[in-house]
């Protein structure tokens, strides 16, 4: 009986102690007093002496459940979803466009040493807001500086009235994309192409403006004479046969042995008799002969006859007897 009475008294005493602990100041006030006290160690000891020891649950963190707003740490973003984390880049690391690997959708392929790519994909790499249309046989690309048309099967694309040579023709690839040479697209957009033979790396860097329009690019005097000599000498030949004749004339212009203008080359003695007779000036060139003239004036070169300075349609000419035969294109033989 005595033990039970003692037990009741001890329980009452413990309850009184707990009620006294609840009346003590908030621990946060003691922490503030610690920061303001000149002797922080003594303040801590005094606070501990006045505050009863509390047992904490080891499963809960020893921090307030809802800390003041200024003490809440900044939320750490999910790095996988953050827009500030650069995405994993996949692409063609051997073709860099403005420093970035080219998208695999370009479907780059080589044809006789010429790199072909998708016209639409490459156009949007160089001009993201380009408008591209397709009529079933030709694609048209329009930007604020450029209008480009490429027709399947043609030996050229037209960019701002300029005629750019496509040696293996405009094509459709295995992915049903219209493809043209990379350098042709770059030239149309005014971009620069670089190639490192040691590493095989090709780079494309955007320029400030698209290709200069044909009306201001082509020398009209040269175009007049070149289109007429092409018509007169090879009017019945295929496009590359016409171009090869034009190449011969421009090769002579560039050679110090010959005059340095198109008209000067045609007027040279014993070379183009139709010039002296006036027949050449009176010739009306066809559309294809004019296009051939523009193609060679824009740098188009028929590879088979590269470097030729003479051509004929027979086997008894001075060139046939004295110069090296390079190629036969259509009805003409070309000599270097």
Protein backbone atom coordinates (compact mmCIF):
# COMPACT_ATOMS: atom_id res chain seq x y z
CA UNK A 1 0.00 0.00 0.00
CA UNK A 2 2.84 2.37 0.85
CA UNK A 3 4.51 1.58 -2.49
CA UNK A 4 1.33 2.47 -4.38
CA UNK A 5 1.06 5.78 -2.50
CA UNK A 6 4.68 6.62 -3.26
CA UNK A 7 4.09 5.83 -6.93
CA UNK A 8 1.09 8.22 -7.07
CA UNK A 9 3.08 10.99 -5.40
CA UNK A 10 5.98 10.55 -7.87
CA UNK A 11 3.54 10.79 -10.81
CA UNK A 12 2.03 14.02 -9.44
CA UNK A 13 5.56 15.44 -8.95
CA UNK A 14 6.52 14.59 -12.56
CA UNK A 15 3.40 16.34 -13.88
CA UNK A 16 4.26 19.48 -11.91
CA UNK A 17 7.76 19.46 -13.40
CA UNK A 18 6.37 19.18 -16.96
CA UNK A 19 3.94 22.06 -16.36
CA UNK A 20 6.84 24.17 -15.12
CA UNK A 21 8.85 23.34 -18.29
CA UNK A 22 6.00 24.55 -20.50
CA UNK A 23 6.15 27.94 -18.82
CA UNK A 24 9.79 28.44 -19.78
CA UNK A 25 10.71 30.86 -22.67
CA UNK A 26 10.82 29.65 -26.31
CA UNK A 27 14.27 28.18 -27.25
CA UNK A 28 14.31 30.59 -30.18
CA UNK A 29 14.39 33.48 -27.68
CA UNK A 30 17.41 31.92 -25.99
CA UNK A 31 19.13 31.67 -29.40
CA UNK A 32 18.47 35.38 -30.02
CA UNK A 33 19.84 36.20 -26.57
CA UNK A 34 22.96 34.19 -27.45
CA UNK A 35 23.59 36.31 -30.56
CA UNK A 36 23.20 39.59 -28.61
CA UNK A 37 25.14 38.54 -25.48
CA UNK A 38 28.78 39.72 -25.15
CA UNK A 39 29.64 36.38 -23.59
CA UNK A 40 27.94 33.73 -25.68
CA UNK A 41 29.33 30.78 -23.69
CA UNK A 42 27.81 32.01 -20.39
CA UNK A 43 24.47 32.72 -22.08
CA UNK A 44 24.34 29.19 -23.43
CA UNK A 45 25.12 27.71 -20.01
CA UNK A 46 22.45 29.88 -18.30
CA UNK A 47 19.85 28.93 -20.90
CA UNK A 48 20.63 25.24 -20.53
CA UNK A 49 20.33 25.52 -16.76
CA UNK A 50 16.82 27.02 -17.06
CA UNK A 51 15.54 24.69 -19.82
CA UNK A 52 14.71 21.07 -19.00
CA UNK A 53 16.19 18.40 -21.22
CA UNK A 54 13.81 17.10 -23.92
CA UNK A 55 14.08 13.70 -25.54
CA UNK A 56 14.04 13.90 -29.38
CA UNK A 57 12.86 11.23 -31.75
CA UNK A 58 15.95 9.96 -33.72
CA UNK A 59 13.75 9.52 -36.81
CA UNK A 60 12.90 13.27 -37.08
CA UNK A 61 15.40 16.03 -38.13
CA UNK A 62 16.44 18.40 -35.35
CA UNK A 63 14.97 21.48 -37.12
CA UNK A 64 11.63 23.31 -36.76
CA UNK A 65 8.85 21.76 -38.81
CA UNK A 66 8.10 25.11 -40.58
CA UNK A 67 11.17 27.39 -40.48
CA UNK A 68 10.81 31.14 -41.16
CA UNK A 69 10.58 32.01 -44.86
CA UNK A 70 14.01 33.63 -44.91
CA UNK A 71 15.59 30.41 -43.66
CA UNK A 72 14.06 28.16 -46.32
CA UNK A 73 16.79 27.02 -48.71
CA UNK A 74 16.30 27.70 -52.41
CA UNK A 75 14.66 24.85 -54.27
CA UNK A 76 17.17 22.79 -56.22
CA UNK A 77 15.97 22.36 -59.83
CA UNK A 78 15.74 18.98 -61.44
CA UNK A 79 18.83 19.05 -63.70
CA UNK A 80 17.34 16.60 -66.17
CA UNK A 81 14.45 18.97 -66.92
CA UNK A 82 16.27 22.29 -66.54
CA UNK A 83 16.52 24.43 -69.71
CA UNK A 84 19.92 25.61 -68.52
CA UNK A 85 21.47 22.18 -68.95
CA UNK A 86 22.68 21.74 -72.56
CA UNK A 87 21.02 18.79 -74.31
CA UNK A 88 23.04 15.81 -75.42
CA UNK A 89 24.13 16.60 -78.97
CA UNK A 90 23.98 13.88 -81.58
CA UNK A 91 24.89 14.45 -85.20
CA UNK A 92 27.62 14.29 -87.80
CA UNK A 93 30.79 15.38 -85.99
CA UNK A 94 32.69 15.48 -89.30
CA UNK A 95 30.41 18.21 -90.64
CA UNK A 96 30.05 21.26 -88.42
CA UNK A 97 27.49 23.95 -89.18
CA UNK A 98 28.28 27.13 -87.27
CA UNK A 99 30.32 25.03 -84.86
CA UNK A 100 27.67 22.38 -84.16
CA UNK A 101 27.49 18.81 -85.53
CA UNK A 102 25.22 18.64 -88.56
CA UNK A 103 21.89 16.84 -88.03
CA UNK A 104 21.82 13.29 -89.30
CA UNK A 105 18.70 14.22 -91.30
CA UNK A 106 20.99 15.92 -93.81
CA UNK A 107 21.78 12.40 -95.09
CA UNK A 108 25.19 13.48 -96.35
CA UNK A 109 26.55 11.37 -99.20
CA UNK A 110 29.48 11.52 -101.63
CA UNK A 111 29.11 11.34 -105.40
CA UNK A 112 32.31 11.47 -107.46
CA UNK A 113 33.99 13.56 -104.81
CA UNK A 114 31.02 15.93 -104.37
CA UNK A 115 29.17 16.12 -101.04
CA UNK A 116 25.39 16.06 -101.48
CA UNK A 117 22.93 16.98 -98.70
CA UNK A 118 19.20 17.56 -98.25
CA UNK A 119 18.24 20.98 -99.60
CA UNK A 120 15.41 21.56 -97.13
CA UNK A 121 17.34 20.46 -94.02
CA UNK A 122 20.45 22.44 -94.94
CA UNK A 123 18.41 25.52 -95.83
CA UNK A 124 16.81 25.54 -92.39
CA UNK A 125 20.19 25.15 -90.74
CA UNK A 126 21.33 28.35 -92.44
CA UNK A 127 17.97 30.17 -92.34
CA UNK A 128 15.60 28.71 -89.70
CA UNK A 129 12.63 30.72 -90.99
CA UNK A 130 13.06 29.79 -94.66
CA UNK A 131 9.85 28.99 -96.51
CA UNK A 132 10.15 25.80 -98.57
CA UNK A 133 7.65 24.57 -101.13
CA UNK A 134 7.45 21.57 -103.46
CA UNK A 135 5.43 21.26 -106.67
CA UNK A 136 6.15 17.61 -107.42
CA UNK A 137 9.32 18.16 -109.45
CA UNK A 138 11.01 21.26 -108.04
CA UNK A 139 11.66 22.77 -104.63
CA UNK A 140 11.69 26.50 -103.93
CA UNK A 141 13.39 28.08 -100.91
CA UNK A 142 12.53 31.66 -100.01
CA UNK A 143 14.10 33.88 -97.33
CA UNK A 144 14.23 37.66 -96.94
CA UNK A 145 17.45 37.64 -99.03
CA UNK A 146 17.18 34.61 -101.29
CA UNK A 147 14.95 32.85 -103.77
CA UNK A 148 16.32 29.47 -104.82
CA UNK A 149 14.79 26.88 -107.14
CA UNK A 150 16.07 23.33 -107.70
CA UNK A 151 14.42 20.98 -110.17
CA UNK A 152 15.00 17.25 -110.20
CA UNK A 153 17.22 16.15 -113.10
CA UNK A 154 18.64 19.58 -113.91
CA UNK A 155 22.36 20.36 -113.99
CA UNK A 156 21.92 23.55 -112.01
CA UNK A 157 19.98 25.42 -109.36
CA UNK A 158 18.88 29.03 -109.76
CA UNK A 159 19.63 31.35 -106.83
CA UNK A 160 18.69 35.04 -107.09
CA UNK A 161 18.94 34.74 -110.88
CA UNK A 162 22.36 33.05 -110.69
CA UNK A 163 22.95 29.63 -112.31
CA UNK A 164 25.00 27.27 -110.12
CA UNK A 165 26.33 24.06 -111.65
CA UNK A 166 25.29 20.68 -110.20
CA UNK A 167 27.57 18.08 -111.88
CA UNK A 168 25.51 14.99 -111.02
CA UNK A 169 22.15 16.78 -111.37
CA UNK A 170 19.58 17.62 -108.70
CA UNK A 171 18.35 14.30 -107.27
CA UNK A 172 15.96 12.53 -104.90
CA UNK A 173 17.74 10.32 -102.34
CA UNK A 174 16.72 7.11 -100.54
CA UNK A 175 14.90 9.13 -97.87
CA UNK A 176 12.76 10.86 -100.52
CA UNK A 177 14.64 14.14 -100.01
CA UNK A 178 15.72 16.50 -102.77
CA UNK A 179 19.52 16.71 -102.59
CA UNK A 180 22.09 19.09 -104.08
CA UNK A 181 25.82 19.70 -103.48
CA UNK A 182 26.65 21.19 -100.08
CA UNK A 183 28.86 23.86 -101.66
CA UNK A 184 26.06 24.95 -103.99
CA UNK A 185 23.67 25.56 -101.08
CA UNK A 186 26.38 27.33 -99.10
CA UNK A 187 27.19 29.61 -102.06
CA UNK A 188 23.51 30.49 -102.49
CA UNK A 189 23.18 31.43 -98.81
CA UNK A 190 26.49 33.30 -98.76
CA UNK A 191 28.01 30.79 -96.33
CA UNK A 192 31.67 29.75 -96.26
CA UNK A 193 32.78 26.11 -96.55
CA UNK A 194 36.08 24.91 -95.13
CA UNK A 195 37.74 21.53 -95.41
CA UNK A 196 40.66 20.08 -93.45
CA UNK A 197 42.27 17.37 -95.57
CA UNK A 198 44.29 16.08 -92.61
CA UNK A 199 41.23 15.34 -90.46
CA UNK A 200 38.48 15.14 -93.06
CA UNK A 201 36.49 17.78 -91.15
CA UNK A 202 34.14 20.01 -93.16
CA UNK A 203 32.87 23.28 -91.69
CA UNK A 204 30.08 25.57 -92.84
CA UNK A 205 29.88 29.12 -91.47
CA UNK A 206 26.96 31.44 -92.18
CA UNK A 207 27.67 34.69 -93.99
CA UNK A 208 26.14 38.13 -93.65
CA UNK A 209 24.09 38.06 -96.86
CA UNK A 210 22.89 35.71 -99.59
CA UNK A 211 24.34 35.43 -103.08
CA UNK A 212 24.58 38.61 -105.19
CA UNK A 213 21.74 38.80 -107.76
CA UNK A 214 22.49 37.82 -111.33
CA UNK A 215 21.49 41.19 -112.79
CA UNK A 216 24.41 42.86 -111.05
CA UNK A 217 26.82 39.90 -111.07
CA UNK A 218 27.08 38.90 -114.74
CA UNK A 219 29.16 41.16 -116.97
CA UNK A 220 26.69 41.92 -119.73
CA UNK A 221 29.34 42.37 -122.45
CA UNK A 222 30.93 39.00 -121.64
CA UNK A 223 27.50 37.36 -121.44
CA UNK A 224 26.58 38.78 -124.85
CA UNK A 225 29.60 37.29 -126.62
CA UNK A 226 29.88 34.06 -124.64
CA UNK A 227 26.24 33.06 -125.13
CA UNK A 228 26.57 33.70 -128.87
CA UNK A 229 29.76 31.74 -129.42
CA UNK A 230 28.26 28.84 -127.44
CA UNK A 231 25.15 28.96 -129.62
CA UNK A 232 27.15 29.23 -132.84
CA UNK A 233 29.67 26.50 -132.05
CA UNK A 234 27.55 24.06 -130.02
CA UNK A 235 23.90 25.02 -130.32
CA UNK A 236 22.94 21.39 -131.01
CA UNK A 237 24.99 19.93 -128.15
CA UNK A 238 23.87 18.83 -124.64
CA UNK A 239 24.23 21.32 -121.78
CA UNK A 240 27.65 20.07 -120.67
CA UNK A 241 28.85 20.18 -124.29
CA UNK A 242 27.83 23.83 -124.43
CA UNK A 243 29.48 24.51 -121.09
CA UNK A 244 32.74 22.87 -122.23
CA UNK A 245 32.91 25.27 -125.20
CA UNK A 246 32.33 28.18 -122.83
CA UNK A 247 35.04 26.79 -120.52
CA UNK A 248 37.55 26.86 -123.41
CA UNK A 249 36.87 30.56 -124.04
CA UNK A 250 37.21 31.46 -120.34
CA UNK A 251 40.32 29.28 -119.98
CA UNK A 252 41.90 31.38 -122.74
CA UNK A 253 40.87 34.62 -121.00
CA UNK A 254 42.68 33.38 -117.88
CA UNK A 255 45.79 32.24 -119.83
CA UNK A 256 48.48 34.94 -120.36
CA UNK A 257 49.12 33.66 -123.90
CA UNK A 258 45.64 34.83 -125.00
CA UNK A 259 43.73 38.15 -124.76
CA UNK A 260 42.19 38.86 -121.34
CA UNK A 261 38.58 39.53 -122.42
CA UNK A 262 35.94 37.30 -123.98
CA UNK A 263 35.57 39.53 -127.03
CA UNK A 264 39.35 39.75 -127.37
CA UNK A 265 39.63 35.95 -127.48
CA UNK A 266 36.90 35.70 -130.12
CA UNK A 267 38.47 38.44 -132.23
CA UNK A 268 41.92 36.81 -132.28
CA UNK A 269 43.21 36.04 -135.78
CA UNK A 270 42.55 32.58 -137.19
CA UNK A 271 40.45 31.50 -134.22
CA UNK A 272 36.72 32.34 -134.54
CA UNK A 273 36.01 33.44 -138.10
CA UNK A 274 32.36 34.15 -137.33
CA UNK A 275 33.40 37.11 -135.18
CA UNK A 276 35.13 38.97 -138.00
CA UNK A 277 32.31 38.28 -140.45
CA UNK A 278 29.71 39.72 -138.10
CA UNK A 279 27.75 36.48 -138.02
CA UNK A 280 28.51 35.96 -134.33
CA UNK A 281 27.12 39.34 -133.23
CA UNK A 282 23.94 38.67 -135.23
CA UNK A 283 23.39 35.24 -133.67
CA UNK A 284 20.36 34.89 -131.41
CA UNK A 285 21.31 32.55 -128.54
CA UNK A 286 18.83 30.03 -127.23
CA UNK A 287 17.79 29.93 -123.57
CA UNK A 288 20.00 26.88 -122.96
CA UNK A 289 23.04 28.58 -124.56
CA UNK A 290 22.50 31.63 -122.34
CA UNK A 291 22.18 29.39 -119.29
CA UNK A 292 25.39 27.57 -120.27
CA UNK A 293 27.18 30.92 -120.51
CA UNK A 294 25.93 31.93 -117.05
CA UNK A 295 26.92 28.55 -115.60
CA UNK A 296 30.55 28.90 -116.70
CA UNK A 297 30.67 32.59 -115.73
CA UNK A 298 29.57 31.47 -112.25
CA UNK A 299 32.46 29.02 -112.00
CA UNK A 300 30.88 25.89 -113.45
CA UNK A 301 33.52 23.60 -114.98
CA UNK A 302 32.90 20.36 -116.85
CA UNK A 303 35.40 18.09 -115.15
CA UNK A 304 36.10 15.87 -118.18
CA UNK A 305 37.44 18.81 -120.22
CA UNK A 306 39.03 20.77 -117.38
CA UNK A 307 41.93 22.91 -118.61
CA UNK A 308 41.12 22.60 -122.34
CA UNK A 309 42.22 25.50 -124.56
CA UNK A 310 41.04 24.17 -127.93
CA UNK A 311 38.11 22.25 -129.37
CA UNK A 312 37.03 21.02 -132.80
CA UNK A 313 34.58 18.70 -134.45
CA UNK A 314 37.00 16.93 -136.79
CA UNK A 315 40.29 15.09 -136.74
CA UNK A 316 42.40 17.17 -139.13
CA UNK A 317 42.52 20.47 -137.26
CA UNK A 318 45.71 22.07 -136.02
CA UNK A 319 44.74 21.21 -132.42
CA UNK A 320 44.08 17.57 -133.34
CA UNK A 321 47.58 17.35 -134.83
CA UNK A 322 49.49 19.35 -132.25
CA UNK A 323 47.70 19.25 -128.88
CA UNK A 324 46.85 16.56 -126.34
CA UNK A 325 43.35 15.19 -126.54
CA UNK A 326 41.57 15.55 -123.19
CA UNK A 327 37.97 14.51 -123.76
CA UNK A 328 35.15 14.09 -126.24
CA UNK A 329 31.81 15.57 -125.21
CA UNK A 330 28.94 15.30 -127.64
CA UNK A 331 30.19 16.18 -131.12
CA UNK A 332 33.36 17.98 -129.99
CA UNK A 333 36.87 16.96 -129.02
CA UNK A 334 38.74 19.02 -126.45
CA UNK A 335 42.51 19.56 -126.24
CA UNK A 336 44.94 20.97 -123.72
